[in-house]
Amino acid sequence: MELILWRHAEAHEGAPDLERELTGKGNKQAEKMAAFLRARLPETTRILVSPAVRAQQTARAFGKSFTTEPGVGPDASAQSLLRATGWPDAEGAVLVVGHQPVLGQIAALLLADSRNGFSVKKGAIWWLSRHTSEGDYQTNLRLAIAPESL
């Protein structure tokens, strides 16, 4: 299984939190990362997106249909996010457009069996892959990249 964690791009501050929109910079970050992902993700990739406006706008830059999934929203837990994706048993690739701190918590849990989260920059992706090696399951970091590095 491939699990791609994409943090929403830069958004305006303010309230209510779920209605915060992307900034001009955030729109550029989303477009840049979307172009990068379009060239690399399989056509069959499932896309799960937080109901927050900033995550929806980030996902729309990708140009593919997606499912709005409350289990990956701003208050999501690692367990709800993993359950929504079908990790570790789902087939194929799943792209999640969500939020900190849960994306960093997922990365730390799956890569280092740690409860401490990693920092995922706005607009960045962390691409994880799970496979069997010598009869044991392994999770590998395939890529971690921020939009300004593209």
N, C-alpha and C. Protein backbone atom coordinates (compact mmCIF):
# COMPACT_ATOMS: atom_id res chain seq x y z
N MET A 1 0.83 -1.18 0.00
CA MET A 1 0.00 0.00 0.00
C MET A 1 0.88 1.24 0.00
N GLU A 2 0.45 2.24 -0.76
CA GLU A 2 1.10 3.55 -0.78
C GLU A 2 0.19 4.53 -0.05
N LEU A 3 0.75 5.28 0.87
CA LEU A 3 0.00 6.29 1.62
C LEU A 3 0.71 7.62 1.45
N ILE A 4 0.03 8.56 0.80
CA ILE A 4 0.62 9.87 0.56
C ILE A 4 -0.11 10.88 1.44
N LEU A 5 0.62 11.48 2.34
CA LEU A 5 0.08 12.46 3.28
C LEU A 5 0.41 13.85 2.74
N TRP A 6 -0.62 14.63 2.43
CA TRP A 6 -0.44 15.97 1.86
C TRP A 6 -1.06 16.98 2.80
N ARG A 7 -0.23 17.79 3.41
CA ARG A 7 -0.76 18.84 4.28
C ARG A 7 -1.30 19.97 3.42
N HIS A 8 -2.45 20.49 3.82
CA HIS A 8 -3.03 21.62 3.08
C HIS A 8 -2.01 22.74 2.96
N ALA A 9 -2.17 23.52 1.92
CA ALA A 9 -1.28 24.64 1.67
C ALA A 9 -1.59 25.79 2.63
N GLU A 10 -0.77 26.84 2.54
CA GLU A 10 -0.89 27.99 3.45
C GLU A 10 -2.29 28.60 3.37
N ALA A 11 -2.86 28.87 4.54
CA ALA A 11 -4.21 29.44 4.62
C ALA A 11 -4.20 30.71 5.47
N HIS A 12 -5.22 31.53 5.27
CA HIS A 12 -5.40 32.72 6.08
C HIS A 12 -5.69 32.31 7.52
N GLU A 13 -5.28 33.15 8.46
CA GLU A 13 -5.63 32.95 9.86
C GLU A 13 -7.07 33.37 10.07
N GLY A 14 -7.66 32.95 11.19
CA GLY A 14 -9.00 33.42 11.51
C GLY A 14 -9.92 32.32 11.97
N ALA A 15 -11.17 32.70 12.11
CA ALA A 15 -12.20 31.78 12.58
C ALA A 15 -13.46 32.05 11.78
N PRO A 16 -14.30 31.08 11.63
CA PRO A 16 -14.17 29.72 12.14
C PRO A 16 -13.11 28.93 11.35
N ASP A 17 -12.46 28.03 12.06
CA ASP A 17 -11.33 27.29 11.52
C ASP A 17 -11.67 26.53 10.24
N LEU A 18 -12.81 25.88 10.17
CA LEU A 18 -13.17 25.07 9.01
C LEU A 18 -13.36 25.90 7.74
N GLU A 19 -13.54 27.22 7.88
CA GLU A 19 -13.82 28.07 6.72
C GLU A 19 -12.61 28.87 6.24
N ARG A 20 -11.46 28.63 6.83
CA ARG A 20 -10.26 29.36 6.42
C ARG A 20 -9.88 28.98 4.99
N GLU A 21 -9.59 29.98 4.16
CA GLU A 21 -9.25 29.76 2.75
C GLU A 21 -7.75 29.89 2.53
N LEU A 22 -7.29 29.35 1.40
CA LEU A 22 -5.88 29.47 1.04
C LEU A 22 -5.52 30.91 0.72
N THR A 23 -4.29 31.26 1.02
CA THR A 23 -3.74 32.55 0.63
C THR A 23 -3.30 32.45 -0.84
N GLY A 24 -2.87 33.56 -1.41
CA GLY A 24 -2.29 33.52 -2.76
C GLY A 24 -1.10 32.56 -2.82
N LYS A 25 -0.24 32.66 -1.80
CA LYS A 25 0.91 31.75 -1.73
C LYS A 25 0.43 30.31 -1.61
N GLY A 26 -0.61 30.08 -0.81
CA GLY A 26 -1.15 28.74 -0.64
C GLY A 26 -1.68 28.15 -1.95
N ASN A 27 -2.36 28.98 -2.74
CA ASN A 27 -2.83 28.51 -4.05
C ASN A 27 -1.67 28.10 -4.95
N LYS A 28 -0.59 28.86 -4.93
CA LYS A 28 0.60 28.52 -5.72
C LYS A 28 1.24 27.22 -5.21
N GLN A 29 1.32 27.07 -3.88
CA GLN A 29 1.85 25.83 -3.30
C GLN A 29 1.03 24.62 -3.75
N ALA A 30 -0.29 24.75 -3.68
CA ALA A 30 -1.18 23.65 -4.04
C ALA A 30 -1.03 23.30 -5.51
N GLU A 31 -0.96 24.29 -6.38
CA GLU A 31 -0.81 24.04 -7.82
C GLU A 31 0.51 23.34 -8.13
N LYS A 32 1.57 23.81 -7.48
CA LYS A 32 2.89 23.24 -7.72
C LYS A 32 2.94 21.77 -7.28
N MET A 33 2.42 21.48 -6.09
CA MET A 33 2.45 20.10 -5.59
C MET A 33 1.50 19.23 -6.39
N ALA A 34 0.35 19.76 -6.77
CA ALA A 34 -0.61 18.99 -7.57
C ALA A 34 0.02 18.56 -8.90
N ALA A 35 0.72 19.45 -9.56
CA ALA A 35 1.38 19.11 -10.83
C ALA A 35 2.41 18.00 -10.61
N PHE A 36 3.16 18.10 -9.52
CA PHE A 36 4.16 17.09 -9.19
C PHE A 36 3.48 15.73 -8.96
N LEU A 37 2.39 15.72 -8.20
CA LEU A 37 1.70 14.47 -7.90
C LEU A 37 1.00 13.88 -9.12
N ARG A 38 0.39 14.70 -9.95
CA ARG A 38 -0.31 14.21 -11.15
C ARG A 38 0.62 13.39 -12.03
N ALA A 39 1.88 13.78 -12.09
CA ALA A 39 2.85 13.08 -12.93
C ALA A 39 3.33 11.76 -12.31
N ARG A 40 2.99 11.52 -11.05
CA ARG A 40 3.56 10.37 -10.36
C ARG A 40 2.55 9.38 -9.77
N LEU A 41 1.36 9.85 -9.46
CA LEU A 41 0.38 8.96 -8.80
C LEU A 41 -0.38 8.13 -9.82
N PRO A 42 -0.68 6.88 -9.47
CA PRO A 42 -1.49 6.05 -10.36
C PRO A 42 -2.89 6.63 -10.54
N GLU A 43 -3.50 6.38 -11.69
CA GLU A 43 -4.86 6.85 -11.97
C GLU A 43 -5.86 6.34 -10.94
N THR A 44 -5.60 5.19 -10.37
CA THR A 44 -6.53 4.55 -9.44
C THR A 44 -6.38 5.02 -8.00
N THR A 45 -5.57 6.03 -7.77
CA THR A 45 -5.35 6.55 -6.41
C THR A 45 -6.66 7.04 -5.81
N ARG A 46 -6.98 6.57 -4.59
CA ARG A 46 -8.13 7.09 -3.84
C ARG A 46 -7.68 8.38 -3.16
N ILE A 47 -8.56 9.38 -3.16
CA ILE A 47 -8.21 10.67 -2.57
C ILE A 47 -9.23 10.99 -1.48
N LEU A 48 -8.73 11.13 -0.25
CA LEU A 48 -9.56 11.46 0.91
C LEU A 48 -9.17 12.84 1.41
N VAL A 49 -10.16 13.70 1.59
CA VAL A 49 -9.87 15.10 1.91
C VAL A 49 -10.67 15.55 3.12
N SER A 50 -10.01 16.28 3.99
CA SER A 50 -10.64 16.92 5.14
C SER A 50 -11.78 17.83 4.67
N PRO A 51 -12.82 17.97 5.49
CA PRO A 51 -13.90 18.90 5.13
C PRO A 51 -13.53 20.38 5.25
N ALA A 52 -12.38 20.70 5.81
CA ALA A 52 -11.97 22.10 5.95
C ALA A 52 -11.76 22.72 4.57
N VAL A 53 -12.20 23.97 4.40
CA VAL A 53 -12.12 24.66 3.12
C VAL A 53 -10.69 24.66 2.58
N ARG A 54 -9.69 24.93 3.42
CA ARG A 54 -8.31 25.00 2.95
C ARG A 54 -7.82 23.68 2.38
N ALA A 55 -8.28 22.56 2.96
CA ALA A 55 -7.91 21.24 2.45
C ALA A 55 -8.66 20.95 1.14
N GLN A 56 -9.92 21.33 1.08
CA GLN A 56 -10.71 21.15 -0.14
C GLN A 56 -10.08 21.93 -1.30
N GLN A 57 -9.67 23.17 -1.04
CA GLN A 57 -9.04 23.99 -2.08
C GLN A 57 -7.71 23.38 -2.52
N THR A 58 -6.94 22.86 -1.57
CA THR A 58 -5.68 22.21 -1.90
C THR A 58 -5.94 21.01 -2.80
N ALA A 59 -6.91 20.19 -2.45
CA ALA A 59 -7.23 18.99 -3.23
C ALA A 59 -7.75 19.34 -4.62
N ARG A 60 -8.54 20.39 -4.74
CA ARG A 60 -9.10 20.78 -6.04
C ARG A 60 -8.00 21.11 -7.05
N ALA A 61 -6.86 21.57 -6.57
CA ALA A 61 -5.74 21.88 -7.46
C ALA A 61 -5.27 20.62 -8.19
N PHE A 62 -5.50 19.45 -7.59
CA PHE A 62 -5.09 18.18 -8.19
C PHE A 62 -5.92 17.85 -9.42
N GLY A 63 -7.16 18.33 -9.46
CA GLY A 63 -7.98 18.16 -10.64
C GLY A 63 -8.64 16.81 -10.79
N LYS A 64 -8.71 16.04 -9.73
CA LYS A 64 -9.36 14.72 -9.76
C LYS A 64 -10.50 14.72 -8.75
N SER A 65 -11.45 13.82 -8.94
CA SER A 65 -12.53 13.71 -7.96
C SER A 65 -11.97 13.12 -6.67
N PHE A 66 -12.58 13.55 -5.56
CA PHE A 66 -12.12 13.09 -4.25
C PHE A 66 -13.32 12.90 -3.34
N THR A 67 -13.05 12.24 -2.22
CA THR A 67 -14.06 11.99 -1.20
C THR A 67 -13.76 12.87 0.00
N THR A 68 -14.76 13.63 0.45
CA THR A 68 -14.61 14.40 1.68
C THR A 68 -14.78 13.43 2.84
N GLU A 69 -13.77 13.36 3.70
CA GLU A 69 -13.74 12.37 4.77
C GLU A 69 -13.53 13.06 6.12
N PRO A 70 -14.59 13.14 6.96
CA PRO A 70 -14.44 13.76 8.28
C PRO A 70 -13.34 13.11 9.14
N GLY A 71 -13.05 11.84 8.89
CA GLY A 71 -12.02 11.14 9.65
C GLY A 71 -10.61 11.62 9.40
N VAL A 72 -10.43 12.58 8.47
CA VAL A 72 -9.11 13.18 8.25
C VAL A 72 -9.15 14.69 8.49
N GLY A 73 -10.19 15.18 9.17
CA GLY A 73 -10.36 16.60 9.45
C GLY A 73 -9.37 17.14 10.46
N PRO A 74 -9.50 18.43 10.79
CA PRO A 74 -8.55 19.08 11.70
C PRO A 74 -8.43 18.43 13.07
N ASP A 75 -9.48 17.80 13.55
CA ASP A 75 -9.45 17.17 14.87
C ASP A 75 -9.28 15.65 14.79
N ALA A 76 -8.85 15.15 13.64
CA ALA A 76 -8.71 13.70 13.44
C ALA A 76 -7.66 13.12 14.36
N SER A 77 -7.87 11.88 14.71
CA SER A 77 -6.86 11.12 15.45
C SER A 77 -6.10 10.24 14.46
N ALA A 78 -4.95 9.77 14.89
CA ALA A 78 -4.18 8.85 14.04
C ALA A 78 -5.02 7.63 13.70
N GLN A 79 -5.76 7.12 14.67
CA GLN A 79 -6.58 5.93 14.46
C GLN A 79 -7.67 6.18 13.43
N SER A 80 -8.37 7.33 13.51
CA SER A 80 -9.45 7.61 12.55
C SER A 80 -8.89 7.79 11.14
N LEU A 81 -7.75 8.42 11.03
CA LEU A 81 -7.15 8.62 9.72
C LEU A 81 -6.73 7.29 9.11
N LEU A 82 -6.05 6.48 9.88
CA LEU A 82 -5.61 5.17 9.36
C LEU A 82 -6.80 4.29 9.01
N ARG A 83 -7.83 4.34 9.82
CA ARG A 83 -9.05 3.56 9.55
C ARG A 83 -9.68 4.03 8.23
N ALA A 84 -9.74 5.33 8.01
CA ALA A 84 -10.33 5.88 6.78
C ALA A 84 -9.55 5.45 5.53
N THR A 85 -8.25 5.32 5.66
CA THR A 85 -7.42 4.94 4.50
C THR A 85 -7.40 3.44 4.25
N GLY A 86 -7.73 2.66 5.28
CA GLY A 86 -7.62 1.21 5.15
C GLY A 86 -6.22 0.69 5.45
N TRP A 87 -5.37 1.53 6.00
CA TRP A 87 -3.99 1.12 6.34
C TRP A 87 -4.04 0.01 7.36
N PRO A 88 -3.26 -1.01 7.21
CA PRO A 88 -2.21 -1.24 6.21
C PRO A 88 -2.63 -2.17 5.08
N ASP A 89 -3.89 -2.58 5.05
CA ASP A 89 -4.31 -3.67 4.17
C ASP A 89 -4.91 -3.25 2.84
N ALA A 90 -5.21 -1.98 2.65
CA ALA A 90 -5.82 -1.55 1.39
C ALA A 90 -4.85 -1.76 0.23
N GLU A 91 -5.41 -1.96 -0.93
CA GLU A 91 -4.60 -2.11 -2.14
C GLU A 91 -4.38 -0.75 -2.78
N GLY A 92 -3.29 -0.60 -3.48
CA GLY A 92 -3.05 0.61 -4.25
C GLY A 92 -2.58 1.78 -3.42
N ALA A 93 -2.90 2.97 -3.95
CA ALA A 93 -2.43 4.22 -3.33
C ALA A 93 -3.61 5.01 -2.78
N VAL A 94 -3.36 5.67 -1.64
CA VAL A 94 -4.34 6.57 -1.03
C VAL A 94 -3.64 7.89 -0.75
N LEU A 95 -4.22 8.96 -1.26
CA LEU A 95 -3.75 10.32 -1.01
C LEU A 95 -4.68 10.95 0.01
N VAL A 96 -4.10 11.44 1.11
CA VAL A 96 -4.87 12.10 2.16
C VAL A 96 -4.47 13.57 2.18
N VAL A 97 -5.45 14.47 2.05
CA VAL A 97 -5.19 15.90 2.18
C VAL A 97 -5.74 16.32 3.53
N GLY A 98 -4.83 16.62 4.45
CA GLY A 98 -5.25 16.88 5.82
C GLY A 98 -4.40 17.92 6.52
N HIS A 99 -4.19 17.70 7.82
CA HIS A 99 -3.69 18.72 8.73
C HIS A 99 -2.60 18.20 9.66
N GLN A 100 -1.86 19.16 10.21
CA GLN A 100 -1.00 18.92 11.35
C GLN A 100 -1.88 19.05 12.58
N PRO A 101 -1.62 18.39 13.66
CA PRO A 101 -0.46 17.55 13.89
C PRO A 101 -0.65 16.08 13.47
N VAL A 102 -1.86 15.69 13.05
CA VAL A 102 -2.10 14.26 12.83
C VAL A 102 -1.27 13.68 11.68
N LEU A 103 -1.00 14.45 10.62
CA LEU A 103 -0.19 13.89 9.54
C LEU A 103 1.21 13.55 10.04
N GLY A 104 1.80 14.46 10.82
CA GLY A 104 3.11 14.20 11.40
C GLY A 104 3.09 13.05 12.40
N GLN A 105 1.99 12.91 13.13
CA GLN A 105 1.85 11.79 14.07
C GLN A 105 1.80 10.46 13.32
N ILE A 106 1.07 10.44 12.20
CA ILE A 106 0.98 9.22 11.39
C ILE A 106 2.37 8.84 10.86
N ALA A 107 3.08 9.81 10.31
CA ALA A 107 4.42 9.54 9.78
C ALA A 107 5.34 8.99 10.86
N ALA A 108 5.32 9.60 12.04
CA ALA A 108 6.18 9.14 13.14
C ALA A 108 5.78 7.75 13.61
N LEU A 109 4.49 7.51 13.71
CA LEU A 109 4.00 6.20 14.15
C LEU A 109 4.41 5.10 13.17
N LEU A 110 4.19 5.33 11.89
CA LEU A 110 4.45 4.29 10.90
C LEU A 110 5.93 4.09 10.59
N LEU A 111 6.71 5.16 10.68
CA LEU A 111 8.13 5.06 10.34
C LEU A 111 9.03 4.74 11.53
N ALA A 112 8.64 5.24 12.72
CA ALA A 112 9.53 5.12 13.87
C ALA A 112 8.85 4.51 15.09
N ASP A 113 7.61 4.07 14.94
CA ASP A 113 6.84 3.52 16.05
C ASP A 113 6.88 4.48 17.24
N SER A 114 6.74 5.77 16.93
CA SER A 114 6.85 6.81 17.94
C SER A 114 5.53 7.56 18.09
N ARG A 115 5.22 7.95 19.29
CA ARG A 115 4.03 8.77 19.55
C ARG A 115 4.31 10.25 19.33
N ASN A 116 5.60 10.62 19.21
CA ASN A 116 5.97 12.00 18.92
C ASN A 116 5.81 12.24 17.44
N GLY A 117 5.22 13.36 17.05
CA GLY A 117 4.99 13.63 15.65
C GLY A 117 6.15 14.31 14.97
N PHE A 118 6.21 14.15 13.66
CA PHE A 118 7.15 14.89 12.83
C PHE A 118 6.46 16.18 12.37
N SER A 119 7.26 17.14 11.95
CA SER A 119 6.72 18.38 11.41
C SER A 119 6.53 18.22 9.91
N VAL A 120 5.29 18.44 9.45
CA VAL A 120 4.99 18.40 8.03
C VAL A 120 4.67 19.84 7.62
N LYS A 121 5.49 20.40 6.73
CA LYS A 121 5.31 21.80 6.32
C LYS A 121 4.03 21.97 5.52
N LYS A 122 3.51 23.19 5.52
CA LYS A 122 2.31 23.50 4.74
C LYS A 122 2.55 23.22 3.26
N GLY A 123 1.63 22.47 2.66
CA GLY A 123 1.73 22.13 1.25
C GLY A 123 2.61 20.95 0.93
N ALA A 124 3.31 20.41 1.93
CA ALA A 124 4.26 19.31 1.71
C ALA A 124 3.57 17.96 1.66
N ILE A 125 4.27 16.99 1.07
CA ILE A 125 3.82 15.60 1.10
C ILE A 125 4.86 14.72 1.78
N TRP A 126 4.36 13.67 2.39
CA TRP A 126 5.17 12.56 2.89
C TRP A 126 4.58 11.32 2.25
N TRP A 127 5.37 10.60 1.48
CA TRP A 127 4.91 9.44 0.73
C TRP A 127 5.48 8.19 1.40
N LEU A 128 4.59 7.39 1.96
CA LEU A 128 4.97 6.18 2.67
C LEU A 128 4.55 4.96 1.86
N SER A 129 5.34 3.91 1.96
CA SER A 129 5.05 2.67 1.24
C SER A 129 5.20 1.50 2.20
N ARG A 130 4.24 0.59 2.15
CA ARG A 130 4.30 -0.62 2.99
C ARG A 130 4.42 -1.82 2.09
N HIS A 131 5.40 -2.68 2.38
CA HIS A 131 5.57 -3.89 1.60
C HIS A 131 6.15 -5.00 2.48
N THR A 132 6.18 -6.18 1.93
CA THR A 132 6.74 -7.33 2.65
C THR A 132 8.16 -7.56 2.18
N SER A 133 9.06 -7.75 3.13
CA SER A 133 10.44 -8.06 2.83
C SER A 133 10.88 -9.18 3.74
N GLU A 134 11.29 -10.29 3.15
CA GLU A 134 11.74 -11.46 3.91
C GLU A 134 10.70 -11.88 4.93
N GLY A 135 9.43 -11.86 4.53
CA GLY A 135 8.34 -12.32 5.39
C GLY A 135 7.90 -11.33 6.46
N ASP A 136 8.49 -10.14 6.47
CA ASP A 136 8.13 -9.13 7.48
C ASP A 136 7.63 -7.87 6.77
N TYR A 137 6.66 -7.20 7.38
CA TYR A 137 6.16 -5.95 6.82
C TYR A 137 7.09 -4.81 7.17
N GLN A 138 7.31 -3.96 6.19
CA GLN A 138 8.14 -2.78 6.41
C GLN A 138 7.43 -1.55 5.85
N THR A 139 7.59 -0.44 6.53
CA THR A 139 7.10 0.84 6.03
C THR A 139 8.31 1.69 5.72
N ASN A 140 8.33 2.21 4.51
CA ASN A 140 9.45 3.03 4.06
C ASN A 140 8.97 4.42 3.68
N LEU A 141 9.83 5.39 3.90
CA LEU A 141 9.59 6.74 3.42
C LEU A 141 10.14 6.81 1.99
N ARG A 142 9.24 6.97 1.04
CA ARG A 142 9.66 7.08 -0.36
C ARG A 142 10.07 8.50 -0.69
N LEU A 143 9.36 9.48 -0.08
CA LEU A 143 9.62 10.86 -0.43
C LEU A 143 9.01 11.78 0.61
N ALA A 144 9.72 12.82 0.97
CA ALA A 144 9.16 13.92 1.77
C ALA A 144 9.65 15.19 1.10
N ILE A 145 8.70 16.02 0.63
CA ILE A 145 9.10 17.21 -0.10
C ILE A 145 8.09 18.32 0.08
N ALA A 146 8.61 19.53 0.20
CA ALA A 146 7.78 20.73 0.34
C ALA A 146 7.67 21.39 -1.03
N PRO A 147 6.59 22.15 -1.26
CA PRO A 147 6.41 22.76 -2.58
C PRO A 147 7.53 23.69 -3.00
N GLU A 148 8.17 24.36 -2.07
CA GLU A 148 9.25 25.27 -2.43
C GLU A 148 10.50 24.53 -2.90
N SER A 149 10.55 23.21 -2.71
CA SER A 149 11.68 22.41 -3.18
C SER A 149 11.47 21.87 -4.59
N LEU A 150 10.29 22.11 -5.15
CA LEU A 150 10.00 21.62 -6.50
C LEU A 150 10.45 22.61 -7.56
